[in-house]
Amino acid sequence: MIFGRAKGRAVEAADSAAMPESGGGDLPRHIAIIMDGNGRWAKSRGLPRIAGHRAGVEAVRTVTRAAREMGVACLTLYAFSSENWRRPEQEISDLTGLMKHFIRADMDEFHANNVRLRIIGDYKAFESEAVKLIEGALERTSGNTGSTLAVALNYGAQDELTRAARLLARKAVAGEIDPSAIQSEDIAAGLDTADLPPLDLLIRTSGEQRLSNFLLWQAAYAELYFTPTLWPDFGADALKEAVEVFARRERRYGGL
């Protein structure tokens, strides 16, 4: 998924598995977004794909500000999946360049607003200049205590779960943990999101209705919200509408 306010009827769904300790209420503590539709946005306007990605970055700015102003504790954005390396080399280069520009242009604002940046996934797979910028932004905002912006870079949920399983296997071999005593909490502790609030609301733009290897464990009891709006057209009003839908949901976690 890459760095969409058209109104349209959203298609809603919900999923279940392991109950989180997240709060209820009208405002989700943790929202995650699969930012989809940049390419289609550009194509519909007769523009190159990079124009869609540039417009997508503007949507990132708008939505991150809106989420912060609403009081959302954590916003996670699916910026670059582990499968996106299959895209043409020029597009990957363009996306990396946009990522570097975003960090240079926006970290002052994030830091001034007490926002902590987190990265999930293996960002060190990117070229060295991008890695250096990412690590500088992480260090600079590490002490911030306001909201958290988590960005998924070179992230895939199946890989994340595999790494968590390997960690537990190494501990079992070393005699540090009894395999028969492993609990779901032990798996969660080994995930990239271990220090983030439980996921409450997962949004996907562009009309697609799948998770695309994003936060598979974390989405177990999250509310799912699918909208036909393309990511570059997804703004503050669209985010507010998604939160309003979330507030009308009844989250029973398997109970009555």
C-alpha atoms as a PDB file:
ATOM      1  CA  MET A   1       0.000   0.000   0.000  1.00  0.00           C
ATOM      2  CA  ILE A   2       1.234   3.489  -0.793  1.00  0.00           C
ATOM      3  CA  PHE A   3       1.489   6.871   0.359  1.00  0.00           C
ATOM      4  CA  GLY A   4      -8.077   9.044  -1.092  1.00  0.00           C
ATOM      5  CA  ARG A   5     -13.331  13.487   0.268  1.00  0.00           C
ATOM      6  CA  ALA A   6     -15.697  12.169  -2.006  1.00  0.00           C
ATOM      7  CA  LYS A   7     -18.798  11.029  -0.223  1.00  0.00           C
ATOM      8  CA  GLY A   8     -20.166   7.627  -0.845  1.00  0.00           C
ATOM      9  CA  ARG A   9     -21.890   4.878   1.069  1.00  0.00           C
ATOM     10  CA  ALA A  10     -19.265   2.976   3.021  1.00  0.00           C
ATOM     11  CA  VAL A  11     -19.339  -0.781   3.158  1.00  0.00           C
ATOM     12  CA  GLU A  12     -18.847  -2.005   6.678  1.00  0.00           C
ATOM     13  CA  ALA A  13     -17.689  -5.269   8.195  1.00  0.00           C
ATOM     14  CA  ALA A  14     -16.372  -6.676  11.453  1.00  0.00           C
ATOM     15  CA  ASP A  15     -14.053  -9.483  12.438  1.00  0.00           C
ATOM     16  CA  SER A  16     -13.127 -11.320  15.643  1.00  0.00           C
ATOM     17  CA  ALA A  17     -10.549 -13.482  17.416  1.00  0.00           C
ATOM     18  CA  ALA A  18      -8.760 -12.308  20.588  1.00  0.00           C
ATOM     19  CA  MET A  19     -10.255  -9.719  22.901  1.00  0.00           C
ATOM     20  CA  PRO A  20      -8.063  -6.618  23.369  1.00  0.00           C
ATOM     21  CA  GLU A  21      -7.991  -4.355  26.381  1.00  0.00           C
ATOM     22  CA  SER A  22      -9.009  -1.331  24.353  1.00  0.00           C
ATOM     23  CA  GLY A  23     -11.419   1.285  25.500  1.00  0.00           C
ATOM     24  CA  GLY A  24     -14.904   1.644  24.163  1.00  0.00           C
ATOM     25  CA  GLY A  25     -16.614   4.971  23.683  1.00  0.00           C
ATOM     26  CA  ASP A  26     -17.111   7.096  20.617  1.00  0.00           C
ATOM     27  CA  LEU A  27     -13.458   7.779  19.784  1.00  0.00           C
ATOM     28  CA  PRO A  28     -11.101   4.960  18.773  1.00  0.00           C
ATOM     29  CA  ARG A  29      -7.742   5.119  20.522  1.00  0.00           C
ATOM     30  CA  HIS A  30      -5.948   3.464  17.601  1.00  0.00           C
ATOM     31  CA  ILE A  31      -6.903   3.845  13.936  1.00  0.00           C
ATOM     32  CA  ALA A  32      -5.061   2.112  11.101  1.00  0.00           C
ATOM     33  CA  ILE A  33      -5.498   2.951   7.427  1.00  0.00           C
ATOM     34  CA  ILE A  34      -4.737   0.993   4.264  1.00  0.00           C
ATOM     35  CA  MET A  35      -4.139   3.941   1.948  1.00  0.00           C
ATOM     36  CA  ASP A  36      -5.280   2.604  -1.406  1.00  0.00           C
ATOM     37  CA  GLY A  37      -6.152   4.185  -4.739  1.00  0.00           C
ATOM     38  CA  ASN A  38      -3.342   6.571  -5.655  1.00  0.00           C
ATOM     39  CA  GLY A  39      -2.762   4.934  -9.034  1.00  0.00           C
ATOM     40  CA  ARG A  40      -6.455   4.880  -9.947  1.00  0.00           C
ATOM     41  CA  TRP A  41      -6.801   8.507  -8.848  1.00  0.00           C
ATOM     42  CA  ALA A  42      -4.008   9.504 -11.234  1.00  0.00           C
ATOM     43  CA  LYS A  43      -5.244   7.312 -14.090  1.00  0.00           C
ATOM     44  CA  SER A  44      -8.758   8.785 -13.900  1.00  0.00           C
ATOM     45  CA  ARG A  45      -7.188  12.210 -14.457  1.00  0.00           C
ATOM     46  CA  GLY A  46      -4.815  11.161 -17.218  1.00  0.00           C
ATOM     47  CA  LEU A  47      -1.820  11.714 -14.948  1.00  0.00           C
ATOM     48  CA  PRO A  48       1.269   9.573 -14.243  1.00  0.00           C
ATOM     49  CA  ARG A  49       1.202   7.371 -11.145  1.00  0.00           C
ATOM     50  CA  ILE A  50       3.700   9.590  -9.344  1.00  0.00           C
ATOM     51  CA  ALA A  51       1.090  12.386  -9.417  1.00  0.00           C
ATOM     52  CA  GLY A  52      -1.254  10.084  -7.505  1.00  0.00           C
ATOM     53  CA  HIS A  53       1.431   9.327  -4.953  1.00  0.00           C
ATOM     54  CA  ARG A  54       2.155  13.046  -4.499  1.00  0.00           C
ATOM     55  CA  ALA A  55      -1.553  13.673  -3.927  1.00  0.00           C
ATOM     56  CA  GLY A  56      -1.516  10.738  -1.503  1.00  0.00           C
ATOM     57  CA  VAL A  57       1.200  12.421   0.565  1.00  0.00           C
ATOM     58  CA  GLU A  58      -0.997  15.504   0.853  1.00  0.00           C
ATOM     59  CA  ALA A  59      -3.790  13.246   2.110  1.00  0.00           C
ATOM     60  CA  VAL A  60      -1.375  11.847   4.717  1.00  0.00           C
ATOM     61  CA  ARG A  61      -0.722  15.375   5.969  1.00  0.00           C
ATOM     62  CA  THR A  62      -4.441  16.185   6.114  1.00  0.00           C
ATOM     63  CA  VAL A  63      -5.472  12.975   7.859  1.00  0.00           C
ATOM     64  CA  THR A  64      -2.640  12.930  10.397  1.00  0.00           C
ATOM     65  CA  ARG A  65      -3.500  16.495  11.430  1.00  0.00           C
ATOM     66  CA  ALA A  66      -7.214  15.653  11.619  1.00  0.00           C
ATOM     67  CA  ALA A  67      -6.584  12.549  13.736  1.00  0.00           C
ATOM     68  CA  ARG A  68      -4.375  14.519  16.119  1.00  0.00           C
ATOM     69  CA  GLU A  69      -6.972  17.290  16.449  1.00  0.00           C
ATOM     70  CA  MET A  70      -9.685  14.691  17.137  1.00  0.00           C
ATOM     71  CA  GLY A  71      -7.617  13.254  19.973  1.00  0.00           C
ATOM     72  CA  VAL A  72      -6.776   9.876  18.415  1.00  0.00           C
ATOM     73  CA  ALA A  73      -3.932   8.416  20.460  1.00  0.00           C
ATOM     74  CA  CYS A  74      -2.344   6.382  17.652  1.00  0.00           C
ATOM     75  CA  LEU A  75      -2.654   6.456  13.865  1.00  0.00           C
ATOM     76  CA  THR A  76      -0.993   3.682  11.842  1.00  0.00           C
ATOM     77  CA  LEU A  77      -0.549   4.103   8.088  1.00  0.00           C
ATOM     78  CA  TYR A  78       0.268   1.310   5.632  1.00  0.00           C
ATOM     79  CA  ALA A  79       2.810   3.161   3.508  1.00  0.00           C
ATOM     80  CA  PHE A  80       4.914   0.424   1.868  1.00  0.00           C
ATOM     81  CA  SER A  81       4.223  -3.288   2.091  1.00  0.00           C
ATOM     82  CA  SER A  82       6.784  -6.053   1.800  1.00  0.00           C
ATOM     83  CA  GLU A  83       5.095  -6.954  -1.502  1.00  0.00           C
ATOM     84  CA  ASN A  84       5.552  -3.460  -2.952  1.00  0.00           C
ATOM     85  CA  TRP A  85       9.143  -4.337  -3.891  1.00  0.00           C
ATOM     86  CA  ARG A  86       7.593  -6.127  -6.891  1.00  0.00           C
ATOM     87  CA  ARG A  87       6.660  -2.771  -8.396  1.00  0.00           C
ATOM     88  CA  PRO A  88       8.780  -1.158 -11.139  1.00  0.00           C
ATOM     89  CA  GLU A  89      12.135   0.163  -9.974  1.00  0.00           C
ATOM     90  CA  GLN A  90      11.265   3.716 -11.019  1.00  0.00           C
ATOM     91  CA  GLU A  91       8.083   3.708  -8.930  1.00  0.00           C
ATOM     92  CA  ILE A  92       9.970   2.433  -5.891  1.00  0.00           C
ATOM     93  CA  SER A  93      12.529   5.196  -6.394  1.00  0.00           C
ATOM     94  CA  ASP A  94       9.740   7.781  -6.683  1.00  0.00           C
ATOM     95  CA  LEU A  95       8.085   6.511  -3.506  1.00  0.00           C
ATOM     96  CA  THR A  96      11.361   6.535  -1.598  1.00  0.00           C
ATOM     97  CA  GLY A  97      11.956  10.105  -2.722  1.00  0.00           C
ATOM     98  CA  LEU A  98       8.499  11.152  -1.529  1.00  0.00           C
ATOM     99  CA  MET A  99       9.123   9.470   1.808  1.00  0.00           C
ATOM    100  CA  LYS A 100      12.399  11.357   2.279  1.00  0.00           C
ATOM    101  CA  HIS A 101      10.764  14.654   1.329  1.00  0.00           C
ATOM    102  CA  PHE A 102       7.927  14.015   3.791  1.00  0.00           C
ATOM    103  CA  ILE A 103      10.367  13.407   6.637  1.00  0.00           C
ATOM    104  CA  ARG A 104      12.393  16.527   5.844  1.00  0.00           C
ATOM    105  CA  ALA A 105       9.311  18.728   5.404  1.00  0.00           C
ATOM    106  CA  ASP A 106       7.052  17.505   8.201  1.00  0.00           C
ATOM    107  CA  MET A 107       9.119  16.370  11.191  1.00  0.00           C
ATOM    108  CA  ASP A 108       9.327  19.904  12.598  1.00  0.00           C
ATOM    109  CA  GLU A 109       5.515  20.021  12.743  1.00  0.00           C
ATOM    110  CA  PHE A 110       5.230  16.564  14.275  1.00  0.00           C
ATOM    111  CA  HIS A 111       7.854  17.331  16.902  1.00  0.00           C
ATOM    112  CA  ALA A 112       6.303  20.719  17.731  1.00  0.00           C
ATOM    113  CA  ASN A 113       2.973  18.950  18.302  1.00  0.00           C
ATOM    114  CA  ASN A 114       4.509  16.326  20.626  1.00  0.00           C
ATOM    115  CA  VAL A 115       3.924  13.482  18.129  1.00  0.00           C
ATOM    116  CA  ARG A 116       6.038  10.350  18.449  1.00  0.00           C
ATOM    117  CA  LEU A 117       7.001   8.599  15.219  1.00  0.00           C
ATOM    118  CA  ARG A 118       7.084   4.790  15.162  1.00  0.00           C
ATOM    119  CA  ILE A 119       8.017   2.493  12.305  1.00  0.00           C
ATOM    120  CA  ILE A 120       6.697  -1.046  11.966  1.00  0.00           C
ATOM    121  CA  GLY A 121       8.352  -3.370   9.486  1.00  0.00           C
ATOM    122  CA  ASP A 122      11.958  -3.600   8.309  1.00  0.00           C
ATOM    123  CA  TYR A 123      12.711  -0.043   7.204  1.00  0.00           C
ATOM    124  CA  LYS A 124      16.425  -0.833   6.979  1.00  0.00           C
ATOM    125  CA  ALA A 125      15.780  -2.486   3.613  1.00  0.00           C
ATOM    126  CA  PHE A 126      15.546   0.996   2.069  1.00  0.00           C
ATOM    127  CA  GLU A 127      18.558   2.856   0.718  1.00  0.00           C
ATOM    128  CA  SER A 128      20.987   4.329   3.234  1.00  0.00           C
ATOM    129  CA  GLU A 129      19.932   7.982   2.976  1.00  0.00           C
ATOM    130  CA  ALA A 130      16.305   7.062   3.665  1.00  0.00           C
ATOM    131  CA  VAL A 131      17.334   4.877   6.610  1.00  0.00           C
ATOM    132  CA  LYS A 132      19.406   7.717   8.067  1.00  0.00           C
ATOM    133  CA  LEU A 133      16.481  10.144   7.789  1.00  0.00           C
ATOM    134  CA  ILE A 134      14.072   7.646   9.347  1.00  0.00           C
ATOM    135  CA  GLU A 135      16.377   6.944  12.271  1.00  0.00           C
ATOM    136  CA  GLY A 136      16.948  10.651  12.830  1.00  0.00           C
ATOM    137  CA  ALA A 137      13.190  11.244  12.960  1.00  0.00           C
ATOM    138  CA  LEU A 138      12.704   8.313  15.324  1.00  0.00           C
ATOM    139  CA  GLU A 139      15.389   9.580  17.671  1.00  0.00           C
ATOM    140  CA  ARG A 140      14.153  13.162  17.542  1.00  0.00           C
ATOM    141  CA  THR A 141      10.557  12.273  18.441  1.00  0.00           C
ATOM    142  CA  SER A 142      11.244   9.341  20.783  1.00  0.00           C
ATOM    143  CA  GLY A 143      10.596  11.382  23.916  1.00  0.00           C
ATOM    144  CA  ASN A 144       7.336  12.902  22.708  1.00  0.00           C
ATOM    145  CA  THR A 145       4.360  11.979  24.852  1.00  0.00           C
ATOM    146  CA  GLY A 146       1.391  13.131  22.786  1.00  0.00           C
ATOM    147  CA  SER A 147      -0.087  11.068  19.974  1.00  0.00           C
ATOM    148  CA  THR A 148       1.780   8.402  18.007  1.00  0.00           C
ATOM    149  CA  LEU A 149       2.105   8.159  14.234  1.00  0.00           C
ATOM    150  CA  ALA A 150       3.115   4.633  13.261  1.00  0.00           C
ATOM    151  CA  VAL A 151       4.156   4.099   9.652  1.00  0.00           C
ATOM    152  CA  ALA A 152       4.352   0.613   8.152  1.00  0.00           C
ATOM    153  CA  LEU A 153       7.414   0.417   5.890  1.00  0.00           C
ATOM    154  CA  ASN A 154       8.447  -2.834   4.232  1.00  0.00           C
ATOM    155  CA  TYR A 155       5.810  -4.399   6.465  1.00  0.00           C
ATOM    156  CA  GLY A 156       3.907  -7.666   6.074  1.00  0.00           C
ATOM    157  CA  ALA A 157       1.789  -9.192   8.828  1.00  0.00           C
ATOM    158  CA  GLN A 158       2.689 -12.772   7.960  1.00  0.00           C
ATOM    159  CA  ASP A 159       6.375 -11.907   8.217  1.00  0.00           C
ATOM    160  CA  GLU A 160       5.699 -10.140  11.524  1.00  0.00           C
ATOM    161  CA  LEU A 161       3.961 -13.232  12.923  1.00  0.00           C
ATOM    162  CA  THR A 162       6.738 -15.463  11.621  1.00  0.00           C
ATOM    163  CA  ARG A 163       9.347 -13.340  13.406  1.00  0.00           C
ATOM    164  CA  ALA A 164       7.334 -13.483  16.632  1.00  0.00           C
ATOM    165  CA  ALA A 165       7.099 -17.278  16.331  1.00  0.00           C
ATOM    166  CA  ARG A 166      10.847 -17.561  15.761  1.00  0.00           C
ATOM    167  CA  LEU A 167      11.504 -15.456  18.843  1.00  0.00           C
ATOM    168  CA  LEU A 168       9.385 -17.758  20.986  1.00  0.00           C
ATOM    169  CA  ALA A 169      11.039 -20.816  19.421  1.00  0.00           C
ATOM    170  CA  ARG A 170      14.504 -19.481  20.299  1.00  0.00           C
ATOM    171  CA  LYS A 171      13.372 -18.853  23.868  1.00  0.00           C
ATOM    172  CA  ALA A 172      11.950 -22.368  24.089  1.00  0.00           C
ATOM    173  CA  VAL A 173      15.170 -23.929  22.790  1.00  0.00           C
ATOM    174  CA  ALA A 174      17.152 -21.873  25.307  1.00  0.00           C
ATOM    175  CA  GLY A 175      14.913 -23.083  28.107  1.00  0.00           C
ATOM    176  CA  GLU A 176      13.624 -19.591  28.796  1.00  0.00           C
ATOM    177  CA  ILE A 177       9.998 -20.501  28.177  1.00  0.00           C
ATOM    178  CA  ASP A 178       7.889 -23.649  28.391  1.00  0.00           C
ATOM    179  CA  PRO A 179       6.233 -24.182  24.971  1.00  0.00           C
ATOM    180  CA  SER A 180       3.089 -25.512  26.640  1.00  0.00           C
ATOM    181  CA  ALA A 181       2.799 -22.291  28.636  1.00  0.00           C
ATOM    182  CA  ILE A 182       2.870 -19.923  25.641  1.00  0.00           C
ATOM    183  CA  GLN A 183      -0.134 -17.579  25.640  1.00  0.00           C
ATOM    184  CA  SER A 184      -1.500 -15.153  23.087  1.00  0.00           C
ATOM    185  CA  GLU A 185       0.045 -12.340  25.130  1.00  0.00           C
ATOM    186  CA  ASP A 186       3.501 -13.829  24.485  1.00  0.00           C
ATOM    187  CA  ILE A 187       2.917 -13.667  20.734  1.00  0.00           C
ATOM    188  CA  ALA A 188       1.579 -10.101  20.946  1.00  0.00           C
ATOM    189  CA  ALA A 189       4.671  -9.042  22.906  1.00  0.00           C
ATOM    190  CA  GLY A 190       6.861 -10.088  19.976  1.00  0.00           C
ATOM    191  CA  LEU A 191       4.978  -8.080  17.362  1.00  0.00           C
ATOM    192  CA  ASP A 192       6.113  -4.745  15.930  1.00  0.00           C
ATOM    193  CA  THR A 193       3.095  -3.080  17.552  1.00  0.00           C
ATOM    194  CA  ALA A 194       3.760  -4.350  21.087  1.00  0.00           C
ATOM    195  CA  ASP A 195       3.992  -0.829  22.523  1.00  0.00           C
ATOM    196  CA  LEU A 196       0.953   0.543  20.670  1.00  0.00           C
ATOM    197  CA  PRO A 197      -2.659   0.624  21.894  1.00  0.00           C
ATOM    198  CA  PRO A 198      -4.923  -2.216  20.725  1.00  0.00           C
ATOM    199  CA  LEU A 199      -6.322  -1.561  17.272  1.00  0.00           C
ATOM    200  CA  ASP A 200      -9.890  -0.241  17.365  1.00  0.00           C
ATOM    201  CA  LEU A 201     -10.675   0.805  13.784  1.00  0.00           C
ATOM    202  CA  LEU A 202      -9.123  -0.286  10.484  1.00  0.00           C
ATOM    203  CA  ILE A 203     -10.020   1.763   7.391  1.00  0.00           C
ATOM    204  CA  ARG A 204      -9.376   0.846   3.769  1.00  0.00           C
ATOM    205  CA  THR A 205      -9.944   3.315   0.960  1.00  0.00           C
ATOM    206  CA  SER A 206     -10.653   2.737  -2.769  1.00  0.00           C
ATOM    207  CA  GLY A 207     -13.426   0.156  -2.440  1.00  0.00           C
ATOM    208  CA  GLU A 208     -11.243  -2.918  -1.976  1.00  0.00           C
ATOM    209  CA  GLN A 209     -12.392  -5.156   0.878  1.00  0.00           C
ATOM    210  CA  ARG A 210      -9.401  -7.144   2.104  1.00  0.00           C
ATOM    211  CA  LEU A 211      -6.608  -6.694   4.635  1.00  0.00           C
ATOM    212  CA  SER A 212      -3.720  -7.277   2.222  1.00  0.00           C
ATOM    213  CA  ASN A 213      -1.373  -8.734   4.831  1.00  0.00           C
ATOM    214  CA  PHE A 214      -1.802  -5.751   7.172  1.00  0.00           C
ATOM    215  CA  LEU A 215      -2.124  -6.096  10.967  1.00  0.00           C
ATOM    216  CA  LEU A 216      -3.689  -9.559  10.745  1.00  0.00           C
ATOM    217  CA  TRP A 217      -3.232 -10.313  14.448  1.00  0.00           C
ATOM    218  CA  GLN A 218      -4.062  -6.814  15.621  1.00  0.00           C
ATOM    219  CA  ALA A 219      -7.267  -6.632  13.561  1.00  0.00           C
ATOM    220  CA  ALA A 220      -8.799  -9.623  15.347  1.00  0.00           C
ATOM    221  CA  TYR A 221     -11.390  -7.496  17.131  1.00  0.00           C
ATOM    222  CA  ALA A 222     -10.979  -4.210  15.288  1.00  0.00           C
ATOM    223  CA  GLU A 223     -13.940  -2.665  13.519  1.00  0.00           C
ATOM    224  CA  LEU A 224     -13.420  -2.716   9.741  1.00  0.00           C
ATOM    225  CA  TYR A 225     -14.531   0.181   7.554  1.00  0.00           C
ATOM    226  CA  PHE A 226     -14.336   0.103   3.760  1.00  0.00           C
ATOM    227  CA  THR A 227     -14.988   3.189   1.657  1.00  0.00           C
ATOM    228  CA  PRO A 228     -14.975   3.664  -2.141  1.00  0.00           C
ATOM    229  CA  THR A 229     -13.161   6.981  -1.731  1.00  0.00           C
ATOM    230  CA  LEU A 230      -9.695   6.919  -3.283  1.00  0.00           C
ATOM    231  CA  TRP A 231      -6.911   7.794  -0.862  1.00  0.00           C
ATOM    232  CA  PRO A 232      -5.972  11.208  -2.354  1.00  0.00           C
ATOM    233  CA  ASP A 233      -9.629  12.254  -1.876  1.00  0.00           C
ATOM    234  CA  PHE A 234      -9.830  11.013   1.716  1.00  0.00           C
ATOM    235  CA  GLY A 235      -9.717  14.001   4.050  1.00  0.00           C
ATOM    236  CA  ALA A 236     -10.770  15.227   7.476  1.00  0.00           C
ATOM    237  CA  ASP A 237     -14.506  14.890   6.740  1.00  0.00           C
ATOM    238  CA  ALA A 238     -14.053  11.330   5.519  1.00  0.00           C
ATOM    239  CA  LEU A 239     -12.099  10.420   8.653  1.00  0.00           C
ATOM    240  CA  LYS A 240     -14.811  11.989  10.813  1.00  0.00           C
ATOM    241  CA  GLU A 241     -17.458   9.953   8.975  1.00  0.00           C
ATOM    242  CA  ALA A 242     -15.522   6.724   9.615  1.00  0.00           C
ATOM    243  CA  VAL A 243     -15.222   7.571  13.322  1.00  0.00           C
ATOM    244  CA  GLU A 244     -18.943   8.329  13.478  1.00  0.00           C
ATOM    245  CA  VAL A 245     -19.676   4.887  12.025  1.00  0.00           C
ATOM    246  CA  PHE A 246     -17.312   3.354  14.591  1.00  0.00           C
ATOM    247  CA  ALA A 247     -19.194   5.134  17.395  1.00  0.00           C
ATOM    248  CA  ARG A 248     -22.454   3.496  16.269  1.00  0.00           C
ATOM    249  CA  ARG A 249     -20.983  -0.012  16.352  1.00  0.00           C
ATOM    250  CA  GLU A 250     -21.652  -2.316  19.293  1.00  0.00           C
ATOM    251  CA  ARG A 251     -18.439  -4.135  20.209  1.00  0.00           C
ATOM    252  CA  ARG A 252     -19.367  -7.318  22.048  1.00  0.00           C
ATOM    253  CA  TYR A 253     -16.074  -9.255  21.703  1.00  0.00           C
ATOM    254  CA  GLY A 254     -17.960 -12.544  21.354  1.00  0.00           C
ATOM    255  CA  GLY A 255     -20.316 -11.815  24.248  1.00  0.00           C
ATOM    256  CA  LEU A 256     -23.987 -10.865  24.280  1.00  0.00           C
END
